[in-house]
Amino acid sequence: RRTTSPAQWTSQVEIALERIADGRLTKVVLAQALSVE
């Protein structure tokens, strides 16, 4: 079970890219978790 869906991931990356584009951010490492039963 993923904590982050592909759609959520796309949204997170786009938020990061917006902050990079406006000069507030140069790089950020975004992560996910995978719950393995």
Full PDB file with SEQRES, HELIX, SHEET, SSBOND, CRYST1, ORIGX, SCALE, CONECT and MASTER records, all heavy atoms in Angstrom:
SEQRES   1 A   37  ARG ARG THR THR SER PRO ALA GLN TRP THR SER GLN VAL          
SEQRES   2 A   37  GLU ILE ALA LEU GLU ARG ILE ALA ASP GLY ARG LEU THR          
SEQRES   3 A   37  LYS VAL VAL LEU ALA GLN ALA LEU SER VAL GLU                  
HELIX    1 AA1 PRO A    6  ALA A   21  1                                  16    
CRYST1    1.000    1.000    1.000  90.00  90.00  90.00 P 1           1          
ORIGX1      1.000000  0.000000  0.000000        0.00000                         
ORIGX2      0.000000  1.000000  0.000000        0.00000                         
ORIGX3      0.000000  0.000000  1.000000        0.00000                         
SCALE1      1.000000  0.000000  0.000000        0.00000                         
SCALE2      0.000000  1.000000  0.000000        0.00000                         
SCALE3      0.000000  0.000000  1.000000        0.00000                         
ATOM      1  N   ARG A   1       0.851  -1.188   0.000  1.00  0.00           N  
ATOM      2  CA  ARG A   1       0.000   0.000   0.000  1.00  0.00           C  
ATOM      3  C   ARG A   1       0.887   1.238   0.000  1.00  0.00           C  
ATOM      4  O   ARG A   1       1.779   1.357   0.835  1.00  0.00           O  
ATOM      5  CB  ARG A   1      -0.915   0.017   1.225  1.00  0.00           C  
ATOM      6  CG  ARG A   1      -1.855   1.233   1.273  1.00  0.00           C  
ATOM      7  CD  ARG A   1      -2.735   1.199   2.511  1.00  0.00           C  
ATOM      8  NE  ARG A   1      -1.941   1.216   3.742  1.00  0.00           N  
ATOM      9  CZ  ARG A   1      -1.451   2.336   4.296  1.00  0.00           C  
ATOM     10  NH1 ARG A   1      -1.650   3.513   3.705  1.00  0.00           N  
ATOM     11  NH2 ARG A   1      -0.750   2.273   5.412  1.00  0.00           N  
ATOM     12  N   ARG A   2       0.650   2.137  -0.935  1.00  0.00           N  
ATOM     13  CA  ARG A   2       1.451   3.354  -1.051  1.00  0.00           C  
ATOM     14  C   ARG A   2       0.826   4.479  -0.230  1.00  0.00           C  
ATOM     15  O   ARG A   2      -0.392   4.636  -0.194  1.00  0.00           O  
ATOM     16  CB  ARG A   2       1.557   3.800  -2.510  1.00  0.00           C  
ATOM     17  CG  ARG A   2       2.154   2.740  -3.413  1.00  0.00           C  
ATOM     18  CD  ARG A   2       2.297   3.243  -4.836  1.00  0.00           C  
ATOM     19  NE  ARG A   2       2.687   2.159  -5.732  1.00  0.00           N  
ATOM     20  CZ  ARG A   2       3.914   1.680  -5.838  1.00  0.00           C  
ATOM     21  NH1 ARG A   2       4.886   2.222  -5.121  1.00  0.00           N  
ATOM     22  NH2 ARG A   2       4.190   0.683  -6.664  1.00  0.00           N  
ATOM     23  N   THR A   3       1.672   5.266   0.393  1.00  0.00           N  
ATOM     24  CA  THR A   3       1.176   6.446   1.109  1.00  0.00           C  
ATOM     25  C   THR A   3       0.913   7.597   0.152  1.00  0.00           C  
ATOM     26  O   THR A   3       0.231   8.554   0.519  1.00  0.00           O  
ATOM     27  CB  THR A   3       2.197   6.910   2.149  1.00  0.00           C  
ATOM     28  OG1 THR A   3       3.425   7.260   1.491  1.00  0.00           O  
ATOM     29  CG2 THR A   3       2.471   5.813   3.176  1.00  0.00           C  
ATOM     30  N   THR A   4       1.461   7.506  -1.053  1.00  0.00           N  
ATOM     31  CA  THR A   4       1.353   8.592  -2.029  1.00  0.00           C  
ATOM     32  C   THR A   4       0.885   8.018  -3.359  1.00  0.00           C  
ATOM     33  O   THR A   4       1.538   7.130  -3.914  1.00  0.00           O  
ATOM     34  CB  THR A   4       2.713   9.283  -2.226  1.00  0.00           C  
ATOM     35  OG1 THR A   4       3.238   9.675  -0.946  1.00  0.00           O  
ATOM     36  CG2 THR A   4       2.582  10.510  -3.114  1.00  0.00           C  
ATOM     37  N   SER A   5      -0.220   8.511  -3.880  1.00  0.00           N  
ATOM     38  CA  SER A   5      -0.705   8.065  -5.185  1.00  0.00           C  
ATOM     39  C   SER A   5       0.057   8.800  -6.284  1.00  0.00           C  
ATOM     40  O   SER A   5       0.667   9.858  -6.031  1.00  0.00           O  
ATOM     41  CB  SER A   5      -2.197   8.351  -5.321  1.00  0.00           C  
ATOM     42  OG  SER A   5      -2.419   9.747  -5.418  1.00  0.00           O  
ATOM     43  N   PRO A   6       0.039   8.280  -7.528  1.00  0.00           N  
ATOM     44  CA  PRO A   6       0.682   9.012  -8.623  1.00  0.00           C  
ATOM     45  C   PRO A   6       0.156  10.438  -8.766  1.00  0.00           C  
ATOM     46  O   PRO A   6       0.918  11.366  -9.052  1.00  0.00           O  
ATOM     47  CB  PRO A   6       0.345   8.152  -9.848  1.00  0.00           C  
ATOM     48  CG  PRO A   6       0.213   6.758  -9.298  1.00  0.00           C  
ATOM     49  CD  PRO A   6      -0.429   6.941  -7.956  1.00  0.00           C  
ATOM     50  N   ALA A   7      -1.150  10.631  -8.576  1.00  0.00           N  
ATOM     51  CA  ALA A   7      -1.717  11.974  -8.693  1.00  0.00           C  
ATOM     52  C   ALA A   7      -1.195  12.894  -7.582  1.00  0.00           C  
ATOM     53  O   ALA A   7      -0.868  14.067  -7.823  1.00  0.00           O  
ATOM     54  CB  ALA A   7      -3.238  11.905  -8.648  1.00  0.00           C  
ATOM     55  N   GLN A   8      -1.122  12.360  -6.346  1.00  0.00           N  
ATOM     56  CA  GLN A   8      -0.580  13.157  -5.243  1.00  0.00           C  
ATOM     57  C   GLN A   8       0.882  13.504  -5.490  1.00  0.00           C  
ATOM     58  O   GLN A   8       1.329  14.617  -5.225  1.00  0.00           O  
ATOM     59  CB  GLN A   8      -0.729  12.396  -3.924  1.00  0.00           C  
ATOM     60  CG  GLN A   8      -2.148  12.288  -3.416  1.00  0.00           C  
ATOM     61  CD  GLN A   8      -2.246  11.384  -2.200  1.00  0.00           C  
ATOM     62  OE1 GLN A   8      -1.630  10.308  -2.149  1.00  0.00           O  
ATOM     63  NE2 GLN A   8      -3.019  11.804  -1.203  1.00  0.00           N  
ATOM     64  N   TRP A   9       1.623  12.526  -6.006  1.00  0.00           N  
ATOM     65  CA  TRP A   9       3.038  12.751  -6.298  1.00  0.00           C  
ATOM     66  C   TRP A   9       3.200  13.865  -7.336  1.00  0.00           C  
ATOM     67  O   TRP A   9       4.038  14.763  -7.166  1.00  0.00           O  
ATOM     68  CB  TRP A   9       3.672  11.466  -6.791  1.00  0.00           C  
ATOM     69  CG  TRP A   9       5.101  11.620  -7.253  1.00  0.00           C  
ATOM     70  CD1 TRP A   9       5.548  11.646  -8.536  1.00  0.00           C  
ATOM     71  CD2 TRP A   9       6.252  11.760  -6.419  1.00  0.00           C  
ATOM     72  NE1 TRP A   9       6.906  11.796  -8.566  1.00  0.00           N  
ATOM     73  CE2 TRP A   9       7.369  11.864  -7.281  1.00  0.00           C  
ATOM     74  CE3 TRP A   9       6.451  11.809  -5.042  1.00  0.00           C  
ATOM     75  CZ2 TRP A   9       8.670  12.014  -6.799  1.00  0.00           C  
ATOM     76  CZ3 TRP A   9       7.744  11.958  -4.561  1.00  0.00           C  
ATOM     77  CH2 TRP A   9       8.834  12.069  -5.432  1.00  0.00           C  
ATOM     78  N   THR A  10       2.415  13.818  -8.388  1.00  0.00           N  
ATOM     79  CA  THR A  10       2.481  14.858  -9.414  1.00  0.00           C  
ATOM     80  C   THR A  10       2.203  16.224  -8.806  1.00  0.00           C  
ATOM     81  O   THR A  10       2.893  17.212  -9.106  1.00  0.00           O  
ATOM     82  CB  THR A  10       1.487  14.555 -10.547  1.00  0.00           C  
ATOM     83  OG1 THR A  10       1.849  13.330 -11.182  1.00  0.00           O  
ATOM     84  CG2 THR A  10       1.484  15.674 -11.580  1.00  0.00           C  
ATOM     85  N   SER A  11       1.212  16.289  -7.934  1.00  0.00           N  
ATOM     86  CA  SER A  11       0.881  17.550  -7.274  1.00  0.00           C  
ATOM     87  C   SER A  11       2.033  18.040  -6.412  1.00  0.00           C  
ATOM     88  O   SER A  11       2.364  19.238  -6.414  1.00  0.00           O  
ATOM     89  CB  SER A  11      -0.381  17.383  -6.427  1.00  0.00           C  
ATOM     90  OG  SER A  11      -0.661  18.551  -5.685  1.00  0.00           O  
ATOM     91  N   GLN A  12       2.672  17.121  -5.666  1.00  0.00           N  
ATOM     92  CA  GLN A  12       3.789  17.499  -4.808  1.00  0.00           C  
ATOM     93  C   GLN A  12       4.956  18.038  -5.638  1.00  0.00           C  
ATOM     94  O   GLN A  12       5.555  19.066  -5.296  1.00  0.00           O  
ATOM     95  CB  GLN A  12       4.242  16.291  -3.992  1.00  0.00           C  
ATOM     96  CG  GLN A  12       3.241  15.847  -2.938  1.00  0.00           C  
ATOM     97  CD  GLN A  12       3.588  14.493  -2.348  1.00  0.00           C  
ATOM     98  OE1 GLN A  12       4.685  13.982  -2.560  1.00  0.00           O  
ATOM     99  NE2 GLN A  12       2.656  13.905  -1.626  1.00  0.00           N  
ATOM    100  N   VAL A  13       5.279  17.343  -6.721  1.00  0.00           N  
ATOM    101  CA  VAL A  13       6.380  17.789  -7.578  1.00  0.00           C  
ATOM    102  C   VAL A  13       6.057  19.147  -8.192  1.00  0.00           C  
ATOM    103  O   VAL A  13       6.926  20.034  -8.281  1.00  0.00           O  
ATOM    104  CB  VAL A  13       6.667  16.742  -8.669  1.00  0.00           C  
ATOM    105  CG1 VAL A  13       7.710  17.277  -9.670  1.00  0.00           C  
ATOM    106  CG2 VAL A  13       7.177  15.441  -8.038  1.00  0.00           C  
ATOM    107  N   GLU A  14       4.811  19.343  -8.598  1.00  0.00           N  
ATOM    108  CA  GLU A  14       4.435  20.623  -9.198  1.00  0.00           C  
ATOM    109  C   GLU A  14       4.534  21.767  -8.188  1.00  0.00           C  
ATOM    110  O   GLU A  14       4.934  22.893  -8.539  1.00  0.00           O  
ATOM    111  CB  GLU A  14       3.019  20.529  -9.769  1.00  0.00           C  
ATOM    112  CG  GLU A  14       2.962  19.676 -11.032  1.00  0.00           C  
ATOM    113  CD  GLU A  14       1.543  19.478 -11.542  1.00  0.00           C  
ATOM    114  OE1 GLU A  14       0.591  19.784 -10.786  1.00  0.00           O  
ATOM    115  OE2 GLU A  14       1.383  19.005 -12.687  1.00  0.00           O  
ATOM    116  N   ILE A  15       4.175  21.524  -6.939  1.00  0.00           N  
ATOM    117  CA  ILE A  15       4.343  22.543  -5.898  1.00  0.00           C  
ATOM    118  C   ILE A  15       5.818  22.898  -5.752  1.00  0.00           C  
ATOM    119  O   ILE A  15       6.188  24.078  -5.665  1.00  0.00           O  
ATOM    120  CB  ILE A  15       3.761  22.052  -4.559  1.00  0.00           C  
ATOM    121  CG1 ILE A  15       2.236  21.977  -4.625  1.00  0.00           C  
ATOM    122  CG2 ILE A  15       4.188  22.964  -3.409  1.00  0.00           C  
ATOM    123  CD1 ILE A  15       1.594  21.312  -3.423  1.00  0.00           C  
ATOM    124  N   ALA A  16       6.674  21.856  -5.723  1.00  0.00           N  
ATOM    125  CA  ALA A  16       8.117  22.096  -5.627  1.00  0.00           C  
ATOM    126  C   ALA A  16       8.624  22.891  -6.824  1.00  0.00           C  
ATOM    127  O   ALA A  16       9.427  23.832  -6.672  1.00  0.00           O  
ATOM    128  CB  ALA A  16       8.854  20.774  -5.505  1.00  0.00           C  
ATOM    129  N   LEU A  17       8.161  22.535  -8.013  1.00  0.00           N  
ATOM    130  CA  LEU A  17       8.610  23.228  -9.228  1.00  0.00           C  
ATOM    131  C   LEU A  17       8.163  24.687  -9.221  1.00  0.00           C  
ATOM    132  O   LEU A  17       8.894  25.573  -9.711  1.00  0.00           O  
ATOM    133  CB  LEU A  17       8.083  22.507 -10.464  1.00  0.00           C  
ATOM    134  CG  LEU A  17       8.701  21.125 -10.737  1.00  0.00           C  
ATOM    135  CD1 LEU A  17       7.997  20.441 -11.904  1.00  0.00           C  
ATOM    136  CD2 LEU A  17      10.202  21.234 -11.001  1.00  0.00           C  
ATOM    137  N   GLU A  18       6.989  24.972  -8.691  1.00  0.00           N  
ATOM    138  CA  GLU A  18       6.534  26.357  -8.582  1.00  0.00           C  
ATOM    139  C   GLU A  18       7.457  27.158  -7.660  1.00  0.00           C  
ATOM    140  O   GLU A  18       7.801  28.313  -7.960  1.00  0.00           O  
ATOM    141  CB  GLU A  18       5.101  26.401  -8.051  1.00  0.00           C  
ATOM    142  CG  GLU A  18       4.049  25.910  -9.036  1.00  0.00           C  
ATOM    143  CD  GLU A  18       2.674  25.822  -8.411  1.00  0.00           C  
ATOM    144  OE1 GLU A  18       2.541  26.185  -7.205  1.00  0.00           O  
ATOM    145  OE2 GLU A  18       1.722  25.385  -9.096  1.00  0.00           O  
ATOM    146  N   ARG A  19       7.861  26.556  -6.545  1.00  0.00           N  
ATOM    147  CA  ARG A  19       8.748  27.253  -5.607  1.00  0.00           C  
ATOM    148  C   ARG A  19      10.144  27.421  -6.192  1.00  0.00           C  
ATOM    149  O   ARG A  19      10.840  28.394  -5.877  1.00  0.00           O  
ATOM    150  CB  ARG A  19       8.779  26.499  -4.279  1.00  0.00           C  
ATOM    151  CG  ARG A  19       7.424  26.469  -3.596  1.00  0.00           C  
ATOM    152  CD  ARG A  19       7.435  25.781  -2.244  1.00  0.00           C  
ATOM    153  NE  ARG A  19       6.084  25.747  -1.692  1.00  0.00           N  
ATOM    154  CZ  ARG A  19       5.770  25.327  -0.473  1.00  0.00           C  
ATOM    155  NH1 ARG A  19       6.728  24.875   0.335  1.00  0.00           N  
ATOM    156  NH2 ARG A  19       4.519  25.345  -0.061  1.00  0.00           N  
ATOM    157  N   ILE A  20      10.552  26.464  -7.034  1.00  0.00           N  
ATOM    158  CA  ILE A  20      11.828  26.608  -7.723  1.00  0.00           C  
ATOM    159  C   ILE A  20      11.742  27.722  -8.760  1.00  0.00           C  
ATOM    160  O   ILE A  20      12.642  28.562  -8.896  1.00  0.00           O  
ATOM    161  CB  ILE A  20      12.227  25.266  -8.379  1.00  0.00           C  
ATOM    162  CG1 ILE A  20      12.573  24.232  -7.294  1.00  0.00           C  
ATOM    163  CG2 ILE A  20      13.429  25.460  -9.316  1.00  0.00           C  
ATOM    164  CD1 ILE A  20      12.769  22.821  -7.826  1.00  0.00           C  
ATOM    165  N   ALA A  21      10.632  27.769  -9.484  1.00  0.00           N  
ATOM    166  CA  ALA A  21      10.465  28.772 -10.541  1.00  0.00           C  
ATOM    167  C   ALA A  21      10.428  30.188  -9.983  1.00  0.00           C  
ATOM    168  O   ALA A  21      10.920  31.130 -10.630  1.00  0.00           O  
ATOM    169  CB  ALA A  21       9.186  28.481 -11.332  1.00  0.00           C  
ATOM    170  N   ASP A  22       9.838  30.376  -8.786  1.00  0.00           N  
ATOM    171  CA  ASP A  22       9.767  31.735  -8.240  1.00  0.00           C  
ATOM    172  C   ASP A  22      10.996  32.109  -7.417  1.00  0.00           C  
ATOM    173  O   ASP A  22      11.028  33.175  -6.782  1.00  0.00           O  
ATOM    174  CB  ASP A  22       8.479  31.951  -7.438  1.00  0.00           C  
ATOM    175  CG  ASP A  22       8.396  31.103  -6.174  1.00  0.00           C  
ATOM    176  OD1 ASP A  22       9.442  30.637  -5.671  1.00  0.00           O  
ATOM    177  OD2 ASP A  22       7.261  30.905  -5.673  1.00  0.00           O  
ATOM    178  N   GLY A  23      12.004  31.212  -7.397  1.00  0.00           N  
ATOM    179  CA  GLY A  23      13.283  31.547  -6.782  1.00  0.00           C  
ATOM    180  C   GLY A  23      13.415  31.231  -5.312  1.00  0.00           C  
ATOM    181  O   GLY A  23      14.483  31.432  -4.725  1.00  0.00           O  
ATOM    182  N   ARG A  24      12.359  30.724  -4.678  1.00  0.00           N  
ATOM    183  CA  ARG A  24      12.455  30.402  -3.251  1.00  0.00           C  
ATOM    184  C   ARG A  24      13.268  29.136  -2.996  1.00  0.00           C  
ATOM    185  O   ARG A  24      13.852  28.970  -1.930  1.00  0.00           O  
ATOM    186  CB  ARG A  24      11.052  30.217  -2.662  1.00  0.00           C  
ATOM    187  CG  ARG A  24      10.273  31.497  -2.462  1.00  0.00           C  
ATOM    188  CD  ARG A  24       8.944  31.211  -1.789  1.00  0.00           C  
ATOM    189  NE  ARG A  24       8.016  30.517  -2.672  1.00  0.00           N  
ATOM    190  CZ  ARG A  24       6.929  29.882  -2.253  1.00  0.00           C  
ATOM    191  NH1 ARG A  24       6.660  29.806  -0.960  1.00  0.00           N  
ATOM    192  NH2 ARG A  24       6.118  29.315  -3.124  1.00  0.00           N  
ATOM    193  N   LEU A  25      13.292  28.229  -3.964  1.00  0.00           N  
ATOM    194  CA  LEU A  25      13.848  26.900  -3.784  1.00  0.00           C  
ATOM    195  C   LEU A  25      14.738  26.563  -4.974  1.00  0.00           C  
ATOM    196  O   LEU A  25      14.436  26.936  -6.108  1.00  0.00           O  
ATOM    197  CB  LEU A  25      12.696  25.891  -3.668  1.00  0.00           C  
ATOM    198  CG  LEU A  25      12.976  24.448  -3.264  1.00  0.00           C  
ATOM    199  CD1 LEU A  25      13.545  24.394  -1.856  1.00  0.00           C  
ATOM    200  CD2 LEU A  25      11.672  23.637  -3.331  1.00  0.00           C  
ATOM    201  N   THR A  26      15.848  25.869  -4.698  1.00  0.00           N  
ATOM    202  CA  THR A  26      16.716  25.385  -5.779  1.00  0.00           C  
ATOM    203  C   THR A  26      16.543  23.889  -5.992  1.00  0.00           C  
ATOM    204  O   THR A  26      16.509  23.411  -7.129  1.00  0.00           O  
ATOM    205  CB  THR A  26      18.188  25.687  -5.465  1.00  0.00           C  
ATOM    206  OG1 THR A  26      18.343  27.102  -5.275  1.00  0.00           O  
ATOM    207  CG2 THR A  26      19.095  25.231  -6.603  1.00  0.00           C  
ATOM    208  N   LYS A  27      16.425  23.146  -4.889  1.00  0.00           N  
ATOM    209  CA  LYS A  27      16.246  21.692  -4.951  1.00  0.00           C  
ATOM    210  C   LYS A  27      15.532  21.232  -3.696  1.00  0.00           C  
ATOM    211  O   LYS A  27      15.733  21.794  -2.611  1.00  0.00           O  
ATOM    212  CB  LYS A  27      17.593  20.979  -5.065  1.00  0.00           C  
ATOM    213  CG  LYS A  27      17.483  19.454  -4.942  1.00  0.00           C  
ATOM    214  CD  LYS A  27      18.831  18.779  -4.800  1.00  0.00           C  
ATOM    215  CE  LYS A  27      18.639  17.282  -4.530  1.00  0.00           C  
ATOM    216  NZ  LYS A  27      19.915  16.558  -4.405  1.00  0.00           N  
ATOM    217  N   VAL A  28      14.701  20.202  -3.827  1.00  0.00           N  
ATOM    218  CA  VAL A  28      14.107  19.555  -2.678  1.00  0.00           C  
ATOM    219  C   VAL A  28      14.008  18.066  -2.961  1.00  0.00           C  
ATOM    220  O   VAL A  28      13.765  17.657  -4.099  1.00  0.00           O  
ATOM    221  CB  VAL A  28      12.709  20.136  -2.340  1.00  0.00           C  
ATOM    222  CG1 VAL A  28      11.710  19.880  -3.460  1.00  0.00           C  
ATOM    223  CG2 VAL A  28      12.189  19.577  -1.016  1.00  0.00           C  
ATOM    224  N   VAL A  29      14.232  17.262  -1.930  1.00  0.00           N  
ATOM    225  CA  VAL A  29      14.083  15.814  -2.053  1.00  0.00           C  
ATOM    226  C   VAL A  29      12.723  15.437  -1.480  1.00  0.00           C  
ATOM    227  O   VAL A  29      12.471  15.613  -0.281  1.00  0.00           O  
ATOM    228  CB  VAL A  29      15.205  15.061  -1.322  1.00  0.00           C  
ATOM    229  CG1 VAL A  29      14.985  13.550  -1.421  1.00  0.00           C  
ATOM    230  CG2 VAL A  29      16.562  15.434  -1.907  1.00  0.00           C  
ATOM    231  N   LEU A  30      11.857  14.931  -2.332  1.00  0.00           N  
ATOM    232  CA  LEU A  30      10.540  14.456  -1.903  1.00  0.00           C  
ATOM    233  C   LEU A  30      10.558  12.934  -1.823  1.00  0.00           C  
ATOM    234  O   LEU A  30      11.205  12.275  -2.639  1.00  0.00           O  
ATOM    235  CB  LEU A  30       9.459  14.920  -2.876  1.00  0.00           C  
ATOM    236  CG  LEU A  30       9.273  16.437  -2.986  1.00  0.00           C  
ATOM    237  CD1 LEU A  30       8.172  16.770  -3.970  1.00  0.00           C  
ATOM    238  CD2 LEU A  30       8.979  17.058  -1.618  1.00  0.00           C  
ATOM    239  N   ALA A  31       9.857  12.397  -0.853  1.00  0.00           N  
ATOM    240  CA  ALA A  31       9.922  10.956  -0.592  1.00  0.00           C  
ATOM    241  C   ALA A  31       8.529  10.359  -0.493  1.00  0.00           C  
ATOM    242  O   ALA A  31       7.515  11.059  -0.388  1.00  0.00           O  
ATOM    243  CB  ALA A  31      10.703  10.688   0.688  1.00  0.00           C  
ATOM    244  N   GLN A  32       8.501   9.039  -0.528  1.00  0.00           N  
ATOM    245  CA  GLN A  32       7.281   8.254  -0.401  1.00  0.00           C  
ATOM    246  C   GLN A  32       7.537   7.106   0.577  1.00  0.00           C  
ATOM    247  O   GLN A  32       8.682   6.766   0.876  1.00  0.00           O  
ATOM    248  CB  GLN A  32       6.872   7.659  -1.746  1.00  0.00           C  
ATOM    249  CG  GLN A  32       6.717   8.635  -2.884  1.00  0.00           C  
ATOM    250  CD  GLN A  32       6.487   7.932  -4.204  1.00  0.00           C  
ATOM    251  OE1 GLN A  32       6.101   6.759  -4.241  1.00  0.00           O  
ATOM    252  NE2 GLN A  32       6.741   8.622  -5.305  1.00  0.00           N  
ATOM    253  N   ALA A  33       6.453   6.502   1.052  1.00  0.00           N  
ATOM    254  CA  ALA A  33       6.543   5.297   1.880  1.00  0.00           C  
ATOM    255  C   ALA A  33       5.683   4.210   1.247  1.00  0.00           C  
ATOM    256  O   ALA A  33       4.645   4.488   0.644  1.00  0.00           O  
ATOM    257  CB  ALA A  33       6.081   5.577   3.304  1.00  0.00           C  
ATOM    258  N   LEU A  34       6.144   2.981   1.376  1.00  0.00           N  
ATOM    259  CA  LEU A  34       5.429   1.812   0.854  1.00  0.00           C  
ATOM    260  C   LEU A  34       5.231   0.829   1.995  1.00  0.00           C  
ATOM    261  O   LEU A  34       6.205   0.292   2.546  1.00  0.00           O  
ATOM    262  CB  LEU A  34       6.228   1.160  -0.275  1.00  0.00           C  
ATOM    263  CG  LEU A  34       5.596  -0.086  -0.924  1.00  0.00           C  
ATOM    264  CD1 LEU A  34       4.380   0.318  -1.746  1.00  0.00           C  
ATOM    265  CD2 LEU A  34       6.618  -0.809  -1.797  1.00  0.00           C  
ATOM    266  N   SER A  35       3.977   0.596   2.374  1.00  0.00           N  
ATOM    267  CA  SER A  35       3.668  -0.354   3.443  1.00  0.00           C  
ATOM    268  C   SER A  35       3.523  -1.747   2.833  1.00  0.00           C  
ATOM    269  O   SER A  35       2.671  -1.974   1.971  1.00  0.00           O  
ATOM    270  CB  SER A  35       2.378   0.054   4.154  1.00  0.00           C  
ATOM    271  OG  SER A  35       2.059  -0.877   5.165  1.00  0.00           O  
ATOM    272  N   VAL A  36       4.359  -2.680   3.281  1.00  0.00           N  
ATOM    273  CA  VAL A  36       4.405  -4.028   2.736  1.00  0.00           C  
ATOM    274  C   VAL A  36       3.837  -4.999   3.773  1.00  0.00           C  
ATOM    275  O   VAL A  36       4.441  -5.223   4.829  1.00  0.00           O  
ATOM    276  CB  VAL A  36       5.843  -4.432   2.360  1.00  0.00           C  
ATOM    277  CG1 VAL A  36       5.859  -5.830   1.746  1.00  0.00           C  
ATOM    278  CG2 VAL A  36       6.461  -3.412   1.413  1.00  0.00           C  
ATOM    279  N   GLU A  37       2.666  -5.550   3.487  1.00  0.00           N  
ATOM    280  CA  GLU A  37       2.064  -6.555   4.375  1.00  0.00           C  
ATOM    281  C   GLU A  37       2.690  -7.903   4.063  1.00  0.00           C  
ATOM    282  O   GLU A  37       2.707  -8.345   2.914  1.00  0.00           O  
ATOM    283  CB  GLU A  37       0.560  -6.609   4.168  1.00  0.00           C  
ATOM    284  CG  GLU A  37      -0.156  -7.593   5.088  1.00  0.00           C  
ATOM    285  CD  GLU A  37      -1.638  -7.666   4.817  1.00  0.00           C  
ATOM    286  OE1 GLU A  37      -2.161  -6.745   4.158  1.00  0.00           O  
ATOM    287  OE2 GLU A  37      -2.266  -8.656   5.252  1.00  0.00           O  
TER     288      GLU A  37                                                      
MASTER        0    0    0    1    0    0    0    6  287    1    0    3          
END                                                                             
